[in-house]
Amino acid sequence: MARALHVLKGGDVALALTTIERQLAAGDRVSVALLRGAAAPALPPNVGVHRVPEEWSYERLLEAVFEADHVTTW
């Protein structure tokens, strides 16, 4: 089971949502980091969502990048 981190900065998230759904179907653990100003899309309930810097500091985001097997920015 891989760990995936998606960093969303705003804009169209349709491709991100498709990718997240495929990763979940494959059994991956998925987290989403929302950068300042990014709206939270409708995500499956088993996706961890964290606002940066309100919930996660930038230091915590950096740690999450190194903990993840896959990091994608959108």
C-alpha atoms as a PDB file:
ATOM      1  CA  MET A   1       0.000   0.000   0.000  1.00  0.00           C
ATOM      2  CA  ALA A   2       1.545   3.270  -1.154  1.00  0.00           C
ATOM      3  CA  ARG A   3       1.127   6.643   0.518  1.00  0.00           C
ATOM      4  CA  ALA A   4       0.091   9.444  -1.832  1.00  0.00           C
ATOM      5  CA  LEU A   5       0.118  13.160  -1.104  1.00  0.00           C
ATOM      6  CA  HIS A   6      -1.703  15.629  -3.328  1.00  0.00           C
ATOM      7  CA  VAL A   7      -0.957  19.331  -2.924  1.00  0.00           C
ATOM      8  CA  LEU A   8      -3.783  21.494  -4.231  1.00  0.00           C
ATOM      9  CA  LYS A   9      -3.233  25.188  -4.868  1.00  0.00           C
ATOM     10  CA  GLY A  10      -6.622  25.910  -6.441  1.00  0.00           C
ATOM     11  CA  GLY A  11      -8.195  25.726  -9.867  1.00  0.00           C
ATOM     12  CA  ASP A  12      -9.735  22.752 -11.649  1.00  0.00           C
ATOM     13  CA  VAL A  13      -9.388  19.572  -9.598  1.00  0.00           C
ATOM     14  CA  ALA A  14     -11.202  17.120 -11.885  1.00  0.00           C
ATOM     15  CA  LEU A  15      -8.038  15.233 -12.837  1.00  0.00           C
ATOM     16  CA  ALA A  16      -6.853  15.246  -9.221  1.00  0.00           C
ATOM     17  CA  LEU A  17     -10.148  13.693  -8.083  1.00  0.00           C
ATOM     18  CA  THR A  18      -9.929  10.981 -10.741  1.00  0.00           C
ATOM     19  CA  THR A  19      -6.361  10.198  -9.702  1.00  0.00           C
ATOM     20  CA  ILE A  20      -7.284  10.119  -5.992  1.00  0.00           C
ATOM     21  CA  GLU A  21     -10.191   7.739  -6.663  1.00  0.00           C
ATOM     22  CA  ARG A  22      -7.914   5.383  -8.614  1.00  0.00           C
ATOM     23  CA  GLN A  23      -5.315   5.414  -5.859  1.00  0.00           C
ATOM     24  CA  LEU A  24      -7.939   4.641  -3.225  1.00  0.00           C
ATOM     25  CA  ALA A  25      -9.283   1.783  -5.359  1.00  0.00           C
ATOM     26  CA  ALA A  26      -5.739   0.391  -5.494  1.00  0.00           C
ATOM     27  CA  GLY A  27      -5.588   0.438  -1.687  1.00  0.00           C
ATOM     28  CA  ASP A  28      -3.311   3.457  -1.323  1.00  0.00           C
ATOM     29  CA  ARG A  29      -3.465   5.858   1.625  1.00  0.00           C
ATOM     30  CA  VAL A  30      -4.219   9.326   0.269  1.00  0.00           C
ATOM     31  CA  SER A  31      -3.747  12.725   1.890  1.00  0.00           C
ATOM     32  CA  VAL A  32      -4.509  16.149   0.453  1.00  0.00           C
ATOM     33  CA  ALA A  33      -2.784  19.363   1.466  1.00  0.00           C
ATOM     34  CA  LEU A  34      -4.730  22.502   0.597  1.00  0.00           C
ATOM     35  CA  LEU A  35      -2.535  25.538   0.167  1.00  0.00           C
ATOM     36  CA  ARG A  36      -3.763  28.977   1.223  1.00  0.00           C
ATOM     37  CA  GLY A  37      -6.768  30.006  -0.866  1.00  0.00           C
ATOM     38  CA  ALA A  38      -7.500  26.540  -2.266  1.00  0.00           C
ATOM     39  CA  ALA A  39     -11.105  25.455  -1.940  1.00  0.00           C
ATOM     40  CA  ALA A  40     -11.692  22.014  -0.481  1.00  0.00           C
ATOM     41  CA  PRO A  41     -13.208  19.771  -3.163  1.00  0.00           C
ATOM     42  CA  ALA A  42     -15.670  17.004  -2.350  1.00  0.00           C
ATOM     43  CA  LEU A  43     -13.370  14.141  -1.384  1.00  0.00           C
ATOM     44  CA  PRO A  44     -14.081  10.590  -0.251  1.00  0.00           C
ATOM     45  CA  PRO A  45     -14.301  10.319   3.554  1.00  0.00           C
ATOM     46  CA  ASN A  46     -11.139   8.223   3.867  1.00  0.00           C
ATOM     47  CA  VAL A  47      -8.908  10.975   2.426  1.00  0.00           C
ATOM     48  CA  GLY A  48      -6.995  13.037   4.974  1.00  0.00           C
ATOM     49  CA  VAL A  49      -7.383  16.762   4.259  1.00  0.00           C
ATOM     50  CA  HIS A  50      -5.031  19.326   5.794  1.00  0.00           C
ATOM     51  CA  ARG A  51      -4.990  23.100   5.289  1.00  0.00           C
ATOM     52  CA  VAL A  52      -1.570  24.731   5.055  1.00  0.00           C
ATOM     53  CA  PRO A  53      -0.652  26.729   7.120  1.00  0.00           C
ATOM     54  CA  GLU A  54      -3.834  26.677   9.267  1.00  0.00           C
ATOM     55  CA  GLU A  55      -3.679  22.976  10.224  1.00  0.00           C
ATOM     56  CA  TRP A  56      -0.273  21.918   8.951  1.00  0.00           C
ATOM     57  CA  SER A  57       2.761  24.150   9.086  1.00  0.00           C
ATOM     58  CA  TYR A  58       4.999  24.356   6.041  1.00  0.00           C
ATOM     59  CA  GLU A  59       7.502  22.281   7.994  1.00  0.00           C
ATOM     60  CA  ARG A  60       4.856  19.562   8.479  1.00  0.00           C
ATOM     61  CA  LEU A  61       4.039  19.707   4.765  1.00  0.00           C
ATOM     62  CA  LEU A  62       7.709  19.152   3.968  1.00  0.00           C
ATOM     63  CA  GLU A  63       7.776  16.154   6.316  1.00  0.00           C
ATOM     64  CA  ALA A  64       4.680  14.760   4.573  1.00  0.00           C
ATOM     65  CA  VAL A  65       6.409  15.125   1.201  1.00  0.00           C
ATOM     66  CA  PHE A  66       9.274  12.929   2.383  1.00  0.00           C
ATOM     67  CA  GLU A  67       6.943  10.424   4.074  1.00  0.00           C
ATOM     68  CA  ALA A  68       4.871   9.916   0.906  1.00  0.00           C
ATOM     69  CA  ASP A  69       5.673   7.432  -1.825  1.00  0.00           C
ATOM     70  CA  HIS A  70       4.034   9.688  -4.440  1.00  0.00           C
ATOM     71  CA  VAL A  71       3.613  13.478  -4.353  1.00  0.00           C
ATOM     72  CA  THR A  72       1.532  15.309  -6.951  1.00  0.00           C
ATOM     73  CA  THR A  73       0.933  19.041  -7.113  1.00  0.00           C
ATOM     74  CA  TRP A  74      -2.085  20.446  -8.873  1.00  0.00           C
END
